[in-house]
PDB file of N, CA and C in Angstrom:
ATOM      1  N   MET A   1      17.095  -3.024 -18.382  1.00  0.00           N
ATOM      2  CA  MET A   1      16.273  -3.939 -17.455  1.00  0.00           C
ATOM      3  C   MET A   1      15.273  -4.448 -18.368  1.00  0.00           C
ATOM      4  N   ASN A   2      15.695  -4.940 -19.693  1.00  0.00           N
ATOM      5  CA  ASN A   2      14.564  -5.737 -20.746  1.00  0.00           C
ATOM      6  C   ASN A   2      13.973  -4.870 -21.177  1.00  0.00           C
ATOM      7  N   GLY A   3      13.923  -3.837 -21.344  1.00  0.00           N
ATOM      8  CA  GLY A   3      12.762  -2.949 -21.933  1.00  0.00           C
ATOM      9  C   GLY A   3      11.471  -2.651 -20.798  1.00  0.00           C
ATOM     10  N   LEU A   4      11.453  -2.986 -19.496  1.00  0.00           N
ATOM     11  CA  LEU A   4      10.538  -2.972 -18.640  1.00  0.00           C
ATOM     12  C   LEU A   4      11.099  -1.532 -18.069  1.00  0.00           C
ATOM     13  N   GLY A   5      12.115  -0.668 -17.895  1.00  0.00           N
ATOM     14  CA  GLY A   5      11.830   0.265 -17.046  1.00  0.00           C
ATOM     15  C   GLY A   5      14.068   0.653 -17.465  1.00  0.00           C
ATOM     16  N   SER A   6      14.230   1.965 -16.902  1.00  0.00           N
ATOM     17  CA  SER A   6      15.733   2.489 -16.907  1.00  0.00           C
ATOM     18  C   SER A   6      16.187   2.264 -15.859  1.00  0.00           C
ATOM     19  N   GLN A   7      15.405   2.256 -14.431  1.00  0.00           N
ATOM     20  CA  GLN A   7      16.030   1.692 -13.178  1.00  0.00           C
ATOM     21  C   GLN A   7      14.937   0.928 -12.610  1.00  0.00           C
ATOM     22  N   MET A   8      15.652   0.363 -11.651  1.00  0.00           N
ATOM     23  CA  MET A   8      14.461  -0.203 -10.242  1.00  0.00           C
ATOM     24  C   MET A   8      14.695   0.475  -8.873  1.00  0.00           C
ATOM     25  N   GLN A   9      13.736   0.605  -8.341  1.00  0.00           N
ATOM     26  CA  GLN A   9      14.015   0.912  -6.996  1.00  0.00           C
ATOM     27  C   GLN A   9      12.584   0.332  -6.254  1.00  0.00           C
ATOM     28  N   THR A  10      12.819   0.179  -4.871  1.00  0.00           N
ATOM     29  CA  THR A  10      11.778  -0.459  -4.024  1.00  0.00           C
ATOM     30  C   THR A  10      11.473   1.195  -3.115  1.00  0.00           C
ATOM     31  N   LEU A  11       9.619   1.061  -3.728  1.00  0.00           N
ATOM     32  CA  LEU A  11       9.502   2.063  -3.105  1.00  0.00           C
ATOM     33  C   LEU A  11       8.506   1.932  -1.833  1.00  0.00           C
ATOM     34  N   LEU A  12       8.163   0.552  -1.926  1.00  0.00           N
ATOM     35  CA  LEU A  12       6.713   0.367  -0.634  1.00  0.00           C
ATOM     36  C   LEU A  12       7.080  -0.259   0.263  1.00  0.00           C
ATOM     37  N   GLU A  13       7.131   0.045   1.305  1.00  0.00           N
ATOM     38  CA  GLU A  13       7.029  -0.964   2.776  1.00  0.00           C
ATOM     39  C   GLU A  13       5.684  -1.419   3.075  1.00  0.00           C
ATOM     40  N   ARG A  14       5.247  -2.416   3.781  1.00  0.00           N
ATOM     41  CA  ARG A  14       4.750  -2.566   4.649  1.00  0.00           C
ATOM     42  C   ARG A  14       4.689  -2.643   6.017  1.00  0.00           C
ATOM     43  N   THR A  15       4.170  -1.846   6.485  1.00  0.00           N
ATOM     44  CA  THR A  15       4.453  -1.165   8.187  1.00  0.00           C
ATOM     45  C   THR A  15       3.619  -2.174   8.960  1.00  0.00           C
ATOM     46  N   ILE A  16       2.140  -3.149   8.316  1.00  0.00           N
ATOM     47  CA  ILE A  16       1.172  -3.688   9.263  1.00  0.00           C
ATOM     48  C   ILE A  16       1.107  -5.075   8.570  1.00  0.00           C
ATOM     49  N   GLN A  17       1.690  -5.829   9.253  1.00  0.00           N
ATOM     50  CA  GLN A  17       1.277  -7.361   8.174  1.00  0.00           C
ATOM     51  C   GLN A  17      -0.386  -7.630   7.837  1.00  0.00           C
ATOM     52  N   VAL A  18      -0.540  -8.157   7.481  1.00  0.00           N
ATOM     53  CA  VAL A  18      -1.785  -8.917   6.871  1.00  0.00           C
ATOM     54  C   VAL A  18      -1.969 -10.383   6.205  1.00  0.00           C
ATOM     55  N   PRO A  19      -3.080 -10.908   6.603  1.00  0.00           N
ATOM     56  CA  PRO A  19      -3.007 -12.137   6.390  1.00  0.00           C
ATOM     57  C   PRO A  19      -2.839 -12.364   4.221  1.00  0.00           C
ATOM     58  N   LYS A  20      -2.129 -13.555   4.226  1.00  0.00           N
ATOM     59  CA  LYS A  20      -1.520 -13.908   2.891  1.00  0.00           C
ATOM     60  C   LYS A  20      -3.432 -14.076   2.237  1.00  0.00           C
ATOM     61  N   ALA A  21      -3.712 -13.535   0.924  1.00  0.00           N
ATOM     62  CA  ALA A  21      -4.926 -13.720   0.405  1.00  0.00           C
ATOM     63  C   ALA A  21      -4.795 -15.341  -0.086  1.00  0.00           C
ATOM     64  N   ALA A  22      -3.548 -15.806  -0.845  1.00  0.00           N
ATOM     65  CA  ALA A  22      -3.263 -16.738  -1.511  1.00  0.00           C
ATOM     66  C   ALA A  22      -4.184 -17.951  -0.568  1.00  0.00           C
ATOM     67  N   PHE A  23      -3.932 -18.149   0.209  1.00  0.00           N
ATOM     68  CA  PHE A  23      -4.036 -19.336   1.298  1.00  0.00           C
ATOM     69  C   PHE A  23      -5.556 -18.769   2.050  1.00  0.00           C
ATOM     70  N   ALA A  24      -6.175 -17.824   2.056  1.00  0.00           N
ATOM     71  CA  ALA A  24      -7.536 -17.545   2.393  1.00  0.00           C
ATOM     72  C   ALA A  24      -8.402 -17.595   1.460  1.00  0.00           C
ATOM     73  N   LYS A  25     -10.065 -17.996   2.345  1.00  0.00           N
ATOM     74  CA  LYS A  25     -10.841 -17.887   1.382  1.00  0.00           C
ATOM     75  C   LYS A  25     -11.327 -16.398   0.861  1.00  0.00           C
ATOM     76  N   ALA A  26     -12.139 -16.785  -0.172  1.00  0.00           N
ATOM     77  CA  ALA A  26     -12.018 -15.099  -1.026  1.00  0.00           C
ATOM     78  C   ALA A  26     -12.980 -14.410   0.165  1.00  0.00           C
ATOM     79  N   GLU A  27     -13.866 -14.789   1.360  1.00  0.00           N
ATOM     80  CA  GLU A  27     -14.355 -13.658   1.930  1.00  0.00           C
ATOM     81  C   GLU A  27     -13.294 -13.092   3.058  1.00  0.00           C
ATOM     82  N   ASP A  28     -12.339 -13.939   3.377  1.00  0.00           N
ATOM     83  CA  ASP A  28     -11.134 -13.674   4.629  1.00  0.00           C
ATOM     84  C   ASP A  28      -9.957 -12.999   4.200  1.00  0.00           C
ATOM     85  N   ARG A  29     -10.094 -12.823   2.634  1.00  0.00           N
ATOM     86  CA  ARG A  29      -8.600 -11.769   2.070  1.00  0.00           C
ATOM     87  C   ARG A  29      -8.643 -10.712   2.556  1.00  0.00           C
ATOM     88  N   PRO A  30      -7.451  -9.895   2.708  1.00  0.00           N
ATOM     89  CA  PRO A  30      -7.993  -8.601   3.456  1.00  0.00           C
ATOM     90  C   PRO A  30      -8.317  -7.498   2.248  1.00  0.00           C
ATOM     91  N   THR A  31      -8.775  -6.591   2.431  1.00  0.00           N
ATOM     92  CA  THR A  31      -9.200  -5.595   1.399  1.00  0.00           C
ATOM     93  C   THR A  31      -8.645  -4.650   1.062  1.00  0.00           C
ATOM     94  N   VAL A  32      -8.725  -4.366  -0.035  1.00  0.00           N
ATOM     95  CA  VAL A  32      -7.799  -2.821  -0.459  1.00  0.00           C
ATOM     96  C   VAL A  32      -7.415  -1.829   0.666  1.00  0.00           C
ATOM     97  N   ALA A  33      -8.370  -1.863   1.606  1.00  0.00           N
ATOM     98  CA  ALA A  33      -8.293  -0.763   2.809  1.00  0.00           C
ATOM     99  C   ALA A  33      -7.015  -1.393   3.285  1.00  0.00           C
ATOM    100  N   GLN A  34      -7.210  -2.381   3.482  1.00  0.00           N
ATOM    101  CA  GLN A  34      -6.624  -3.193   5.250  1.00  0.00           C
ATOM    102  C   GLN A  34      -4.840  -3.026   4.254  1.00  0.00           C
ATOM    103  N   HIS A  35      -4.959  -3.335   2.888  1.00  0.00           N
ATOM    104  CA  HIS A  35      -3.113  -3.263   2.450  1.00  0.00           C
ATOM    105  C   HIS A  35      -2.981  -1.899   2.127  1.00  0.00           C
ATOM    106  N   PHE A  36      -3.755  -1.216   1.879  1.00  0.00           N
ATOM    107  CA  PHE A  36      -3.433   0.161   1.711  1.00  0.00           C
ATOM    108  C   PHE A  36      -2.848   0.938   3.026  1.00  0.00           C
ATOM    109  N   ALA A  37      -3.540   0.725   4.135  1.00  0.00           N
ATOM    110  CA  ALA A  37      -2.941   1.050   5.213  1.00  0.00           C
ATOM    111  C   ALA A  37      -1.992   0.531   5.698  1.00  0.00           C
ATOM    112  N   SER A  38      -1.293  -0.676   5.327  1.00  0.00           N
ATOM    113  CA  SER A  38      -0.545  -1.473   5.638  1.00  0.00           C
ATOM    114  C   SER A  38       0.924  -1.224   4.782  1.00  0.00           C
ATOM    115  N   LEU A  39       0.918  -0.216   4.006  1.00  0.00           N
ATOM    116  CA  LEU A  39       1.649   0.378   3.031  1.00  0.00           C
ATOM    117  C   LEU A  39       2.704   1.614   3.151  1.00  0.00           C
ATOM    118  N   LYS A  40       3.628   1.726   3.205  1.00  0.00           N
ATOM    119  CA  LYS A  40       3.906   3.366   3.185  1.00  0.00           C
ATOM    120  C   LYS A  40       5.268   3.386   2.185  1.00  0.00           C
ATOM    121  N   VAL A  41       4.875   4.712   1.261  1.00  0.00           N
ATOM    122  CA  VAL A  41       6.021   5.011   0.598  1.00  0.00           C
ATOM    123  C   VAL A  41       7.372   5.007   1.623  1.00  0.00           C
ATOM    124  N   SER A  42       8.550   4.392   0.871  1.00  0.00           N
ATOM    125  CA  SER A  42       9.677   3.970   2.007  1.00  0.00           C
ATOM    126  C   SER A  42      10.684   5.070   1.449  1.00  0.00           C
ATOM    127  N   LYS A  43      10.400   5.562   0.061  1.00  0.00           N
ATOM    128  CA  LYS A  43      11.737   6.075  -0.672  1.00  0.00           C
ATOM    129  C   LYS A  43      10.965   6.978  -1.797  1.00  0.00           C
ATOM    130  N   GLU A  44      12.081   7.777  -1.723  1.00  0.00           N
ATOM    131  CA  GLU A  44      11.741   9.157  -2.703  1.00  0.00           C
ATOM    132  C   GLU A  44      12.252   8.749  -4.192  1.00  0.00           C
ATOM    133  N   LEU A  45      11.312   8.844  -5.246  1.00  0.00           N
ATOM    134  CA  LEU A  45      11.759   8.383  -6.768  1.00  0.00           C
ATOM    135  C   LEU A  45      12.605   9.080  -7.149  1.00  0.00           C
ATOM    136  N   VAL A  46      13.592   8.506  -8.060  1.00  0.00           N
ATOM    137  CA  VAL A  46      14.245   9.191  -8.615  1.00  0.00           C
ATOM    138  C   VAL A  46      14.275   9.834  -9.966  1.00  0.00           C
ATOM    139  N   HIS A  47      14.241  10.917 -10.592  1.00  0.00           N
ATOM    140  CA  HIS A  47      13.459  10.752 -12.034  1.00  0.00           C
ATOM    141  C   HIS A  47      13.270   9.882 -12.780  1.00  0.00           C
ATOM    142  N   SER A  48      11.796  10.101 -12.663  1.00  0.00           N
ATOM    143  CA  SER A  48      10.736   8.993 -13.348  1.00  0.00           C
ATOM    144  C   SER A  48       9.626  10.072 -13.729  1.00  0.00           C
ATOM    145  N   THR A  49       8.891   9.504 -15.182  1.00  0.00           N
ATOM    146  CA  THR A  49       7.549  10.294 -15.582  1.00  0.00           C
ATOM    147  C   THR A  49       6.641   8.916 -15.397  1.00  0.00           C
ATOM    148  N   GLU A  50       7.165   7.442 -15.357  1.00  0.00           N
ATOM    149  CA  GLU A  50       6.475   6.715 -14.396  1.00  0.00           C
ATOM    150  C   GLU A  50       6.998   5.886 -13.743  1.00  0.00           C
ATOM    151  N   ILE A  51       5.476   4.849 -13.476  1.00  0.00           N
ATOM    152  CA  ILE A  51       6.291   3.530 -12.379  1.00  0.00           C
ATOM    153  C   ILE A  51       5.390   2.392 -12.909  1.00  0.00           C
ATOM    154  N   LEU A  52       6.050   1.713 -13.281  1.00  0.00           N
ATOM    155  CA  LEU A  52       5.642   0.304 -13.063  1.00  0.00           C
ATOM    156  C   LEU A  52       5.700  -0.512 -11.930  1.00  0.00           C
ATOM    157  N   VAL A  53       4.747  -0.871 -11.403  1.00  0.00           N
ATOM    158  CA  VAL A  53       4.868  -2.159 -10.364  1.00  0.00           C
ATOM    159  C   VAL A  53       4.799  -3.738 -10.916  1.00  0.00           C
ATOM    160  N   VAL A  54       5.516  -4.054 -10.105  1.00  0.00           N
ATOM    161  CA  VAL A  54       5.912  -5.653 -10.581  1.00  0.00           C
ATOM    162  C   VAL A  54       5.374  -6.382  -9.222  1.00  0.00           C
ATOM    163  N   ASP A  55       4.467  -7.735  -9.666  1.00  0.00           N
ATOM    164  CA  ASP A  55       4.507  -8.698  -8.634  1.00  0.00           C
ATOM    165  C   ASP A  55       4.321  -9.887  -9.357  1.00  0.00           C
ATOM    166  N   ASP A  56       4.385 -10.428  -8.113  1.00  0.00           N
ATOM    167  CA  ASP A  56       4.452 -12.036  -8.465  1.00  0.00           C
ATOM    168  C   ASP A  56       3.421 -12.460  -8.712  1.00  0.00           C
ATOM    169  N   ILE A  57       2.347 -12.420  -8.093  1.00  0.00           N
ATOM    170  CA  ILE A  57       0.967 -13.600  -8.204  1.00  0.00           C
ATOM    171  C   ILE A  57      -0.039 -12.452  -7.741  1.00  0.00           C
ATOM    172  N   VAL A  58      -1.141 -12.733  -8.562  1.00  0.00           N
ATOM    173  CA  VAL A  58      -2.364 -11.248  -8.216  1.00  0.00           C
ATOM    174  C   VAL A  58      -3.126 -12.651  -7.952  1.00  0.00           C
ATOM    175  N   THR A  59      -4.491 -12.315  -6.966  1.00  0.00           N
ATOM    176  CA  THR A  59      -5.103 -13.341  -6.874  1.00  0.00           C
ATOM    177  C   THR A  59      -6.491 -12.469  -6.781  1.00  0.00           C
ATOM    178  N   SER A  60      -6.706 -11.862  -5.865  1.00  0.00           N
ATOM    179  CA  SER A  60      -7.812 -10.883  -6.092  1.00  0.00           C
ATOM    180  C   SER A  60      -7.766  -9.498  -6.959  1.00  0.00           C
ATOM    181  N   GLY A  61      -6.204  -9.413  -6.667  1.00  0.00           N
ATOM    182  CA  GLY A  61      -5.752  -7.671  -6.981  1.00  0.00           C
ATOM    183  C   GLY A  61      -5.500  -6.842  -5.564  1.00  0.00           C
ATOM    184  N   SER A  62      -6.479  -6.950  -4.676  1.00  0.00           N
ATOM    185  CA  SER A  62      -6.395  -6.118  -3.524  1.00  0.00           C
ATOM    186  C   SER A  62      -5.019  -5.104  -3.311  1.00  0.00           C
ATOM    187  N   MET A  63      -4.065  -6.443  -3.637  1.00  0.00           N
ATOM    188  CA  MET A  63      -2.530  -5.758  -2.960  1.00  0.00           C
ATOM    189  C   MET A  63      -2.373  -4.885  -4.119  1.00  0.00           C
ATOM    190  N   LEU A  64      -2.137  -5.443  -5.363  1.00  0.00           N
ATOM    191  CA  LEU A  64      -1.711  -4.509  -6.272  1.00  0.00           C
ATOM    192  C   LEU A  64      -2.616  -3.269  -6.417  1.00  0.00           C
ATOM    193  N   LEU A  65      -3.865  -3.053  -6.332  1.00  0.00           N
ATOM    194  CA  LEU A  65      -4.578  -1.983  -6.387  1.00  0.00           C
ATOM    195  C   LEU A  65      -4.032  -1.127  -5.135  1.00  0.00           C
ATOM    196  N   ALA A  66      -3.744  -1.873  -4.011  1.00  0.00           N
ATOM    197  CA  ALA A  66      -3.300  -0.776  -2.741  1.00  0.00           C
ATOM    198  C   ALA A  66      -1.955  -0.032  -2.896  1.00  0.00           C
ATOM    199  N   SER A  67      -1.367  -1.296  -3.458  1.00  0.00           N
ATOM    200  CA  SER A  67      -0.068  -0.605  -4.094  1.00  0.00           C
ATOM    201  C   SER A  67       0.323   0.756  -5.176  1.00  0.00           C
ATOM    202  N   VAL A  68      -0.802   0.484  -5.904  1.00  0.00           N
ATOM    203  CA  VAL A  68      -0.957   1.452  -6.917  1.00  0.00           C
ATOM    204  C   VAL A  68      -1.596   2.739  -6.559  1.00  0.00           C
ATOM    205  N   SER A  69      -2.570   2.472  -6.100  1.00  0.00           N
ATOM    206  CA  SER A  69      -2.995   3.436  -4.741  1.00  0.00           C
ATOM    207  C   SER A  69      -2.225   4.528  -4.060  1.00  0.00           C
ATOM    208  N   ARG A  70      -1.264   4.029  -3.306  1.00  0.00           N
ATOM    209  CA  ARG A  70      -0.484   4.392  -2.587  1.00  0.00           C
ATOM    210  C   ARG A  70       0.589   5.103  -2.688  1.00  0.00           C
ATOM    211  N   LEU A  71       1.029   4.692  -4.210  1.00  0.00           N
ATOM    212  CA  LEU A  71       2.160   5.324  -5.184  1.00  0.00           C
ATOM    213  C   LEU A  71       1.140   6.611  -5.720  1.00  0.00           C
ATOM    214  N   GLN A  72       0.153   6.564  -6.293  1.00  0.00           N
ATOM    215  CA  GLN A  72      -0.532   7.421  -7.050  1.00  0.00           C
ATOM    216  C   GLN A  72      -0.706   8.538  -5.972  1.00  0.00           C
ATOM    217  N   GLU A  73      -1.120   8.413  -4.946  1.00  0.00           N
ATOM    218  CA  GLU A  73      -1.179   9.246  -3.588  1.00  0.00           C
ATOM    219  C   GLU A  73       0.379  10.154  -3.221  1.00  0.00           C
ATOM    220  N   ALA A  74       1.496   9.270  -3.479  1.00  0.00           N
ATOM    221  CA  ALA A  74       2.481  10.309  -3.153  1.00  0.00           C
ATOM    222  C   ALA A  74       3.009  10.933  -4.544  1.00  0.00           C
ATOM    223  N   TYR A  75       3.032  10.072  -5.545  1.00  0.00           N
ATOM    224  CA  TYR A  75       3.310  10.913  -7.045  1.00  0.00           C
ATOM    225  C   TYR A  75       2.194  11.006  -7.828  1.00  0.00           C
ATOM    226  N   PRO A  76       0.945  12.043  -7.790  1.00  0.00           N
ATOM    227  CA  PRO A  76       0.240  12.033  -8.323  1.00  0.00           C
ATOM    228  C   PRO A  76       0.336  12.499  -9.845  1.00  0.00           C
ATOM    229  N   ASP A  77       1.516  13.278  -9.823  1.00  0.00           N
ATOM    230  CA  ASP A  77       1.602  13.347 -11.513  1.00  0.00           C
ATOM    231  C   ASP A  77       2.583  12.548 -12.342  1.00  0.00           C
ATOM    232  N   LEU A  78       2.475  11.132 -12.140  1.00  0.00           N
ATOM    233  CA  LEU A  78       3.180  10.686 -12.582  1.00  0.00           C
ATOM    234  C   LEU A  78       1.905   8.889 -12.933  1.00  0.00           C
ATOM    235  N   ARG A  79       2.696   8.460 -14.745  1.00  0.00           N
ATOM    236  CA  ARG A  79       1.571   7.683 -14.845  1.00  0.00           C
ATOM    237  C   ARG A  79       2.132   6.482 -14.276  1.00  0.00           C
ATOM    238  N   ILE A  80       1.257   5.343 -13.524  1.00  0.00           N
ATOM    239  CA  ILE A  80       1.585   4.454 -13.210  1.00  0.00           C
ATOM    240  C   ILE A  80       1.008   3.170 -13.435  1.00  0.00           C
ATOM    241  N   LYS A  81       1.368   2.061 -13.827  1.00  0.00           N
ATOM    242  CA  LYS A  81       1.117   1.117 -14.341  1.00  0.00           C
ATOM    243  C   LYS A  81       1.599  -0.379 -13.572  1.00  0.00           C
ATOM    244  N   ALA A  82       0.896  -1.489 -13.805  1.00  0.00           N
ATOM    245  CA  ALA A  82       1.071  -2.673 -13.128  1.00  0.00           C
ATOM    246  C   ALA A  82       1.684  -3.962 -13.863  1.00  0.00           C
ATOM    247  N   PHE A  83       2.359  -4.828 -13.519  1.00  0.00           N
ATOM    248  CA  PHE A  83       2.349  -5.968 -13.928  1.00  0.00           C
ATOM    249  C   PHE A  83       2.512  -7.037 -13.443  1.00  0.00           C
ATOM    250  N   ALA A  84       1.818  -7.986 -13.239  1.00  0.00           N
ATOM    251  CA  ALA A  84       2.172  -9.661 -12.742  1.00  0.00           C
ATOM    252  C   ALA A  84       2.590 -10.799 -13.613  1.00  0.00           C
ATOM    253  N   LEU A  85       3.314 -11.140 -12.878  1.00  0.00           N
ATOM    254  CA  LEU A  85       3.909 -12.597 -13.604  1.00  0.00           C
ATOM    255  C   LEU A  85       2.891 -13.442 -14.119  1.00  0.00           C
ATOM    256  N   ILE A  86       1.756 -14.031 -12.818  1.00  0.00           N
ATOM    257  CA  ILE A  86       0.861 -14.879 -13.131  1.00  0.00           C
ATOM    258  C   ILE A  86      -0.443 -14.158 -11.974  1.00  0.00           C
ATOM    259  N   ARG A  87      -1.659 -14.812 -12.853  1.00  0.00           N
ATOM    260  CA  ARG A  87      -2.623 -14.389 -12.217  1.00  0.00           C
ATOM    261  C   ARG A  87      -3.940 -15.666 -11.403  1.00  0.00           C
ATOM    262  N   THR A  88      -4.029 -15.734 -10.690  1.00  0.00           N
ATOM    263  CA  THR A  88      -4.712 -16.772 -10.312  1.00  0.00           C
ATOM    264  C   THR A  88      -5.835 -16.787 -11.071  1.00  0.00           C
ATOM    265  N   MET A  89      -6.721 -18.326 -11.138  1.00  0.00           N
ATOM    266  CA  MET A  89      -8.057 -18.273 -11.682  1.00  0.00           C
ATOM    267  C   MET A  89      -8.793 -18.854 -11.075  1.00  0.00           C
ATOM    268  N   SER A  90      -9.249 -18.690 -10.463  1.00  0.00           N
ATOM    269  CA  SER A  90     -10.096 -19.383  -9.725  1.00  0.00           C
ATOM    270  C   SER A  90     -11.060 -20.358  -9.958  1.00  0.00           C
ATOM    271  N   GLY A  91     -11.406 -21.673  -9.979  1.00  0.00           N
ATOM    272  CA  GLY A  91     -12.750 -22.255 -10.256  1.00  0.00           C
ATOM    273  C   GLY A  91     -11.963 -22.859 -11.935  1.00  0.00           C
ATOM    274  N   GLU A  92     -11.392 -22.420 -12.427  1.00  0.00           N
ATOM    275  CA  GLU A  92     -10.844 -22.922 -14.022  1.00  0.00           C
ATOM    276  C   GLU A  92      -9.649 -24.213 -14.143  1.00  0.00           C
ATOM    277  N   GLU A  93      -9.503 -24.810 -14.872  1.00  0.00           N
ATOM    278  CA  GLU A  93      -8.994 -25.932 -14.860  1.00  0.00           C
ATOM    279  C   GLU A  93      -7.463 -25.225 -15.565  1.00  0.00           C
ATOM    280  N   ILE A  94      -6.844 -25.700 -15.333  1.00  0.00           N
ATOM    281  CA  ILE A  94      -5.431 -25.020 -15.504  1.00  0.00           C
ATOM    282  C   ILE A  94      -5.091 -25.510 -17.287  1.00  0.00           C
ATOM    283  N   THR A  95      -5.437 -24.923 -18.658  1.00  0.00           N
ATOM    284  CA  THR A  95      -5.046 -25.686 -19.577  1.00  0.00           C
ATOM    285  C   THR A  95      -3.904 -25.163 -20.171  1.00  0.00           C
ATOM    286  N   GLU A  96      -3.072 -24.076 -20.511  1.00  0.00           N
ATOM    287  CA  GLU A  96      -1.938 -23.628 -20.614  1.00  0.00           C
ATOM    288  C   GLU A  96      -1.610 -22.691 -19.448  1.00  0.00           C
ATOM    289  N   ILE A  97      -0.054 -23.047 -19.925  1.00  0.00           N
ATOM    290  CA  ILE A  97       0.770 -21.940 -18.460  1.00  0.00           C
ATOM    291  C   ILE A  97       1.142 -20.310 -19.502  1.00  0.00           C
ATOM    292  N   ILE A  98       1.058 -20.326 -20.345  1.00  0.00           N
ATOM    293  CA  ILE A  98       1.051 -19.010 -20.773  1.00  0.00           C
ATOM    294  C   ILE A  98      -0.300 -18.538 -21.482  1.00  0.00           C
ATOM    295  N   ASN A  99      -0.538 -17.484 -20.940  1.00  0.00           N
ATOM    296  CA  ASN A  99      -2.141 -17.160 -21.510  1.00  0.00           C
ATOM    297  C   ASN A  99      -1.737 -15.558 -21.203  1.00  0.00           C
ATOM    298  N   ILE A 100      -1.162 -14.986 -21.694  1.00  0.00           N
ATOM    299  CA  ILE A 100      -0.686 -13.086 -21.640  1.00  0.00           C
ATOM    300  C   ILE A 100      -2.155 -12.826 -21.963  1.00  0.00           C
ATOM    301  N   CYS A 101      -2.131 -11.396 -21.004  1.00  0.00           N
ATOM    302  CA  CYS A 101      -3.445 -10.528 -21.572  1.00  0.00           C
ATOM    303  C   CYS A 101      -3.425  -9.329 -20.929  1.00  0.00           C
ATOM    304  N   ALA A 102      -3.949  -8.361 -20.866  1.00  0.00           N
ATOM    305  CA  ALA A 102      -4.401  -7.394 -20.207  1.00  0.00           C
ATOM    306  C   ALA A 102      -5.670  -7.122 -19.594  1.00  0.00           C
ATOM    307  N   GLY A 103      -5.659  -6.021 -18.400  1.00  0.00           N
ATOM    308  CA  GLY A 103      -6.966  -6.402 -17.777  1.00  0.00           C
ATOM    309  C   GLY A 103      -6.845  -5.158 -16.896  1.00  0.00           C
ATOM    310  N   SER A 104      -7.889  -5.157 -15.992  1.00  0.00           N
ATOM    311  CA  SER A 104      -7.799  -3.956 -14.947  1.00  0.00           C
ATOM    312  C   SER A 104      -8.259  -4.584 -13.833  1.00  0.00           C
ATOM    313  N   ILE A 105      -8.003  -3.603 -12.527  1.00  0.00           N
ATOM    314  CA  ILE A 105      -8.400  -3.986 -11.234  1.00  0.00           C
ATOM    315  C   ILE A 105      -8.983  -2.925 -10.871  1.00  0.00           C
ATOM    316  N   ARG A 106     -10.297  -3.255 -10.317  1.00  0.00           N
ATOM    317  CA  ARG A 106     -10.930  -1.776  -9.678  1.00  0.00           C
ATOM    318  C   ARG A 106     -11.274  -1.863  -8.285  1.00  0.00           C
ATOM    319  N   SER A 107     -11.884  -1.101  -7.809  1.00  0.00           N
ATOM    320  CA  SER A 107     -12.322  -1.543  -6.310  1.00  0.00           C
ATOM    321  C   SER A 107     -13.989  -1.309  -6.666  1.00  0.00           C
ATOM    322  N   ARG A 108     -14.528  -2.256  -6.037  1.00  0.00           N
ATOM    323  CA  ARG A 108     -16.178  -2.208  -5.371  1.00  0.00           C
ATOM    324  C   ARG A 108     -16.358  -2.470  -4.048  1.00  0.00           C
ATOM    325  N   GLY A 109     -16.709  -1.652  -3.586  1.00  0.00           N
ATOM    326  CA  GLY A 109     -16.742  -1.866  -2.514  1.00  0.00           C
ATOM    327  C   GLY A 109     -15.714  -1.831  -1.401  1.00  0.00           C
ATOM    328  N   GLU A 110     -15.347  -2.436  -1.025  1.00  0.00           N
ATOM    329  CA  GLU A 110     -13.797  -3.220   0.161  1.00  0.00           C
ATOM    330  C   GLU A 110     -13.137  -3.914  -0.911  1.00  0.00           C
ATOM    331  N   ARG A 111     -13.761  -4.696  -1.674  1.00  0.00           N
ATOM    332  CA  ARG A 111     -12.752  -5.680  -2.455  1.00  0.00           C
ATOM    333  C   ARG A 111     -12.452  -5.382  -3.686  1.00  0.00           C
ATOM    334  N   ALA A 112     -11.552  -5.532  -4.325  1.00  0.00           N
ATOM    335  CA  ALA A 112     -10.790  -5.656  -5.384  1.00  0.00           C
ATOM    336  C   ALA A 112     -11.490  -6.603  -6.775  1.00  0.00           C
ATOM    337  N   VAL A 113     -12.357  -6.001  -8.055  1.00  0.00           N
ATOM    338  CA  VAL A 113     -12.397  -6.986  -8.747  1.00  0.00           C
ATOM    339  C   VAL A 113     -11.495  -6.673 -10.131  1.00  0.00           C
ATOM    340  N   ARG A 114     -10.966  -8.040 -10.644  1.00  0.00           N
ATOM    341  CA  ARG A 114      -9.797  -8.136 -11.406  1.00  0.00           C
ATOM    342  C   ARG A 114     -10.786  -8.845 -13.075  1.00  0.00           C
ATOM    343  N   ASN A 115     -10.233  -8.154 -13.975  1.00  0.00           N
ATOM    344  CA  ASN A 115     -10.888  -8.293 -15.521  1.00  0.00           C
ATOM    345  C   ASN A 115     -10.048  -8.271 -16.292  1.00  0.00           C
ATOM    346  N   PRO A 116      -9.515  -9.610 -16.993  1.00  0.00           N
ATOM    347  CA  PRO A 116      -9.466 -10.915 -16.573  1.00  0.00           C
ATOM    348  C   PRO A 116      -8.586 -10.970 -15.304  1.00  0.00           C
TER     349      PRO A 116
END
């Protein structure tokens, strides 16, 4: 798995459809709670000490935060981290494609706040 993990499992399933954040105004994007309510853990994890959640694009981070929260609820003793291939940068001009960073996503009220 190229150093990312020893196995891959699909653990989350969306049970309720929510609007896609990428095409919505910031105030119309689904909240962390909406994403959380739309997800269920679909499988039992097989032999692991940590989980790496992989996402393609992070807009506000609400979906990623809800995913990690749902997994943390199901597996409270495991370390859970997240990785996203792309993070959107609203209002900024794109100056380079490669801009690797480490950051955090936290809940602020009903919304997620991503840094950076």
